[in-house]
Protein backbone atom coordinates (compact mmCIF):
# COMPACT_ATOMS: atom_id res chain seq x y z
CA MET A 1 -68.10 30.94 84.45
CA SER A 2 -67.51 32.21 80.92
CA GLU A 3 -69.47 30.97 77.93
CA ALA A 4 -68.11 30.88 74.40
CA LEU A 5 -70.63 31.23 71.59
CA ILE A 6 -69.22 29.05 68.83
CA HIS A 7 -70.54 29.38 65.25
CA ASP A 8 -74.22 29.37 64.36
CA ASN A 9 -76.39 28.41 67.35
CA THR A 10 -74.00 25.98 69.02
CA LEU A 11 -73.15 26.73 72.61
CA CYS A 12 -70.12 25.24 74.29
CA LYS A 13 -69.03 26.10 77.82
CA PRO A 14 -65.47 25.33 78.87
CA PHE A 15 -64.93 22.14 80.84
CA VAL A 16 -62.27 19.54 81.62
CA MET A 17 -63.21 15.99 80.58
CA TRP A 18 -60.74 13.61 82.23
CA PHE A 19 -60.56 10.09 80.80
CA THR A 20 -59.01 7.61 83.24
CA GLY A 21 -58.54 3.86 83.13
CA LEU A 22 -56.04 1.06 82.76
CA PRO A 23 -53.49 1.23 79.93
CA SER A 24 -55.15 0.09 76.68
CA SER A 25 -58.66 0.52 78.04
CA GLY A 26 -59.58 2.95 75.24
CA LYS A 27 -58.96 6.38 76.84
CA SER A 28 -57.02 7.93 73.95
CA THR A 29 -59.34 6.54 71.31
CA LEU A 30 -62.42 7.97 73.03
CA ALA A 31 -60.69 11.24 73.83
CA ARG A 32 -59.70 11.70 70.17
CA ALA A 33 -63.30 10.94 69.11
CA MET A 34 -64.64 13.52 71.63
CA THR A 35 -62.11 16.11 70.48
CA TYR A 36 -63.06 15.51 66.85
CA TRP A 37 -66.77 15.94 67.66
CA LEU A 38 -66.17 19.14 69.64
CA ASN A 39 -64.08 20.49 66.77
CA SER A 40 -66.94 19.70 64.40
CA LEU A 41 -69.16 21.94 66.53
CA GLY A 42 -66.65 24.74 66.14
CA ALA A 43 -65.67 24.59 69.80
CA LYS A 44 -62.33 25.71 71.11
CA VAL A 45 -60.88 22.41 72.32
CA GLU A 46 -57.51 20.98 73.30
CA HIS A 47 -56.63 17.32 73.81
CA LEU A 48 -53.92 16.49 76.35
CA ASP A 49 -52.83 12.86 76.04
CA GLY A 50 -50.57 10.95 78.45
CA ASP A 51 -48.23 9.49 75.81
CA GLU A 52 -47.95 12.79 73.93
CA VAL A 53 -47.25 14.85 77.06
CA ARG A 54 -44.66 12.35 78.28
CA SER A 55 -42.91 12.54 74.90
CA VAL A 56 -42.36 16.25 75.59
CA PHE A 57 -41.36 15.64 79.23
CA PRO A 58 -39.62 12.24 79.11
CA GLN A 59 -37.91 12.76 82.47
CA THR A 60 -41.28 12.46 84.24
CA GLY A 61 -41.09 9.34 86.35
CA PHE A 62 -43.57 6.67 87.31
CA SER A 63 -43.33 6.49 91.10
CA ARG A 64 -46.50 7.43 92.99
CA ASP A 65 -45.09 10.84 93.95
CA GLU A 66 -43.82 11.52 90.43
CA ARG A 67 -47.17 10.57 88.90
CA ASN A 68 -49.10 12.71 91.39
CA MET A 69 -46.84 15.73 90.67
CA HIS A 70 -47.08 15.16 86.90
CA LEU A 71 -50.88 15.09 87.05
CA LYS A 72 -51.01 18.20 89.22
CA ARG A 73 -49.04 20.00 86.51
CA ILE A 74 -51.42 18.69 83.83
CA GLY A 75 -54.36 19.71 86.01
CA PHE A 76 -52.97 23.20 86.37
CA LEU A 77 -52.60 23.47 82.60
CA ALA A 78 -56.11 22.11 82.06
CA GLN A 79 -57.70 24.55 84.52
CA ARG A 80 -55.91 27.49 82.88
CA LEU A 81 -57.17 26.44 79.46
CA GLU A 82 -60.68 25.96 80.88
CA ARG A 83 -60.55 29.36 82.53
CA ASN A 84 -59.72 30.85 79.14
CA GLY A 85 -62.80 29.40 77.47
CA ILE A 86 -61.38 26.17 76.09
CA ALA A 87 -62.88 22.69 76.48
CA VAL A 88 -60.07 20.37 77.58
CA VAL A 89 -60.11 16.65 76.88
CA CYS A 90 -57.49 14.73 78.89
CA SER A 91 -56.55 11.08 78.53
CA PHE A 92 -54.27 9.87 81.29
CA VAL A 93 -54.09 6.56 83.15
CA SER A 94 -54.07 8.66 86.36
CA PRO A 95 -54.15 5.60 88.56
CA TYR A 96 -54.57 7.29 91.93
CA ALA A 97 -57.82 8.81 93.25
CA GLU A 98 -55.79 11.47 95.08
CA SER A 99 -54.38 12.87 91.81
CA ARG A 100 -57.76 12.92 90.10
CA ASN A 101 -59.33 14.62 93.10
CA ASP A 102 -56.58 17.26 93.10
CA VAL A 103 -57.30 18.02 89.46
CA ARG A 104 -61.07 18.04 90.11
CA SER A 105 -60.54 20.66 92.84
CA MET A 106 -58.72 22.95 90.39
CA CYS A 107 -61.37 22.94 87.66
CA CYS A 108 -64.80 24.60 87.41
CA ASN A 109 -66.50 21.96 85.24
CA PHE A 110 -64.61 18.69 85.81
CA ILE A 111 -66.02 15.54 84.25
CA GLU A 112 -64.39 12.29 85.27
CA VAL A 113 -64.86 9.59 82.63
CA TYR A 114 -63.93 6.09 83.84
CA VAL A 115 -62.98 3.94 80.85
CA GLU A 116 -63.59 0.55 82.33
CA ALA A 117 -62.13 -2.60 80.81
CA THR A 118 -60.89 -5.76 82.45
CA LEU A 119 -57.17 -6.33 82.85
CA ALA A 120 -57.45 -9.34 80.48
CA GLU A 121 -59.15 -7.16 77.84
CA CYS A 122 -56.53 -4.45 78.18
CA GLU A 123 -53.74 -7.00 77.83
CA ARG A 124 -55.43 -8.40 74.71
CA ARG A 125 -55.57 -4.91 73.16
CA ASP A 126 -52.03 -3.90 74.09
CA VAL A 127 -50.37 -3.16 70.72
CA LYS A 128 -47.24 -1.76 72.40
CA GLY A 129 -46.58 -4.98 74.32
CA LEU A 130 -46.22 -3.12 77.62
CA TYR A 131 -48.18 -5.62 79.70
CA LYS A 132 -46.01 -8.44 78.39
CA LYS A 133 -42.86 -6.48 79.27
CA ALA A 134 -44.25 -5.77 82.75
CA ARG A 135 -45.12 -9.44 83.28
CA GLN A 136 -41.56 -10.37 82.22
CA GLY A 137 -40.06 -7.82 84.66
CA GLU A 138 -38.68 -5.55 81.91
CA ILE A 139 -40.94 -2.70 83.15
CA THR A 140 -41.62 -2.09 86.82
CA GLY A 141 -44.36 -0.01 88.42
CA PHE A 142 -46.73 -0.76 85.54
CA THR A 143 -50.34 0.08 86.37
CA GLY A 144 -52.48 -3.03 86.57
CA VAL A 145 -49.56 -5.44 86.95
CA ASP A 146 -47.30 -4.34 89.79
CA ASP A 147 -48.86 -0.95 90.57
CA VAL A 148 -52.39 -0.32 91.69
CA TYR A 149 -55.18 1.32 89.72
CA GLU A 150 -57.75 2.94 91.99
CA PRO A 151 -61.07 3.00 90.06
CA PRO A 152 -63.14 6.14 90.49
CA SER A 153 -65.82 5.82 93.15
CA ALA A 154 -68.12 8.44 91.64
CA ALA A 155 -67.17 9.15 88.02
CA GLU A 156 -69.66 11.30 86.16
CA VAL A 157 -69.61 8.80 83.29
CA THR A 158 -68.47 5.17 83.20
CA LEU A 159 -67.86 3.63 79.77
CA ARG A 160 -67.42 -0.13 79.44
CA THR A 161 -65.37 -0.42 76.30
CA ALA A 162 -65.49 -4.22 76.09
CA ASP A 163 -69.30 -3.95 75.73
CA GLU A 164 -69.79 -0.57 74.04
CA SER A 165 -68.51 0.60 70.68
CA VAL A 166 -66.66 3.90 70.27
CA ASP A 167 -69.79 5.38 68.70
CA GLU A 168 -71.98 4.19 71.59
CA CYS A 169 -69.55 5.63 74.12
CA LEU A 170 -69.35 8.92 72.22
CA ASP A 171 -73.16 9.13 72.08
CA ARG A 172 -73.30 8.70 75.87
CA LEU A 173 -70.71 11.44 76.33
CA LYS A 174 -72.57 13.82 74.03
CA GLU A 175 -75.78 13.11 75.92
CA TYR A 176 -74.05 13.86 79.22
CA LEU A 177 -72.61 17.17 77.93
CA SER A 178 -75.94 18.16 76.44
CA GLY A 179 -77.76 17.29 79.67
CA ARG A 180 -75.39 19.51 81.64
CA GLY A 181 -75.73 22.31 79.09
CA LEU A 182 -72.02 22.19 78.29
CA ALA A 183 -72.07 21.30 74.57
CA GLY A 184 -74.47 20.39 71.83
CA LYS A 185 -77.06 21.97 69.62
């Protein structure tokens, strides 16, 4: 496993931090905060976000097979970046345990972060109105409404975003990385 000495005395080893949870649970918000913090350390870091990646590959579908294949591609990209000394922060609904386990098996330092929030809380936060559209039948196969979300059985970190602020969640993630010797001063 390669190590990258960042500036000053900060050490950051490459890893893949995979945020998973229902739509509107807080994955992207927390992933952006983590990416910002890692950048502040001078770490080489990339953030791969579900909405952003799908905007580049809009033909990617939402069936179980299409989602699994899409996440395998993202996992491949993440492991290549990790192998080249980059910390990778990923925020994807990734509703199926099978997909997440496939990505885990590709990576050296895989950290699954379960962003837990109730369905009611996610619907309350939904600024895009996707849950409403799914409930009205305008969107089908929507995770949490008419498609399953399989919560992780053994995530390295579980964040309860209805009870914890972004700063509290970020502090827990920093503590985890520091405890594993992956990032921090």
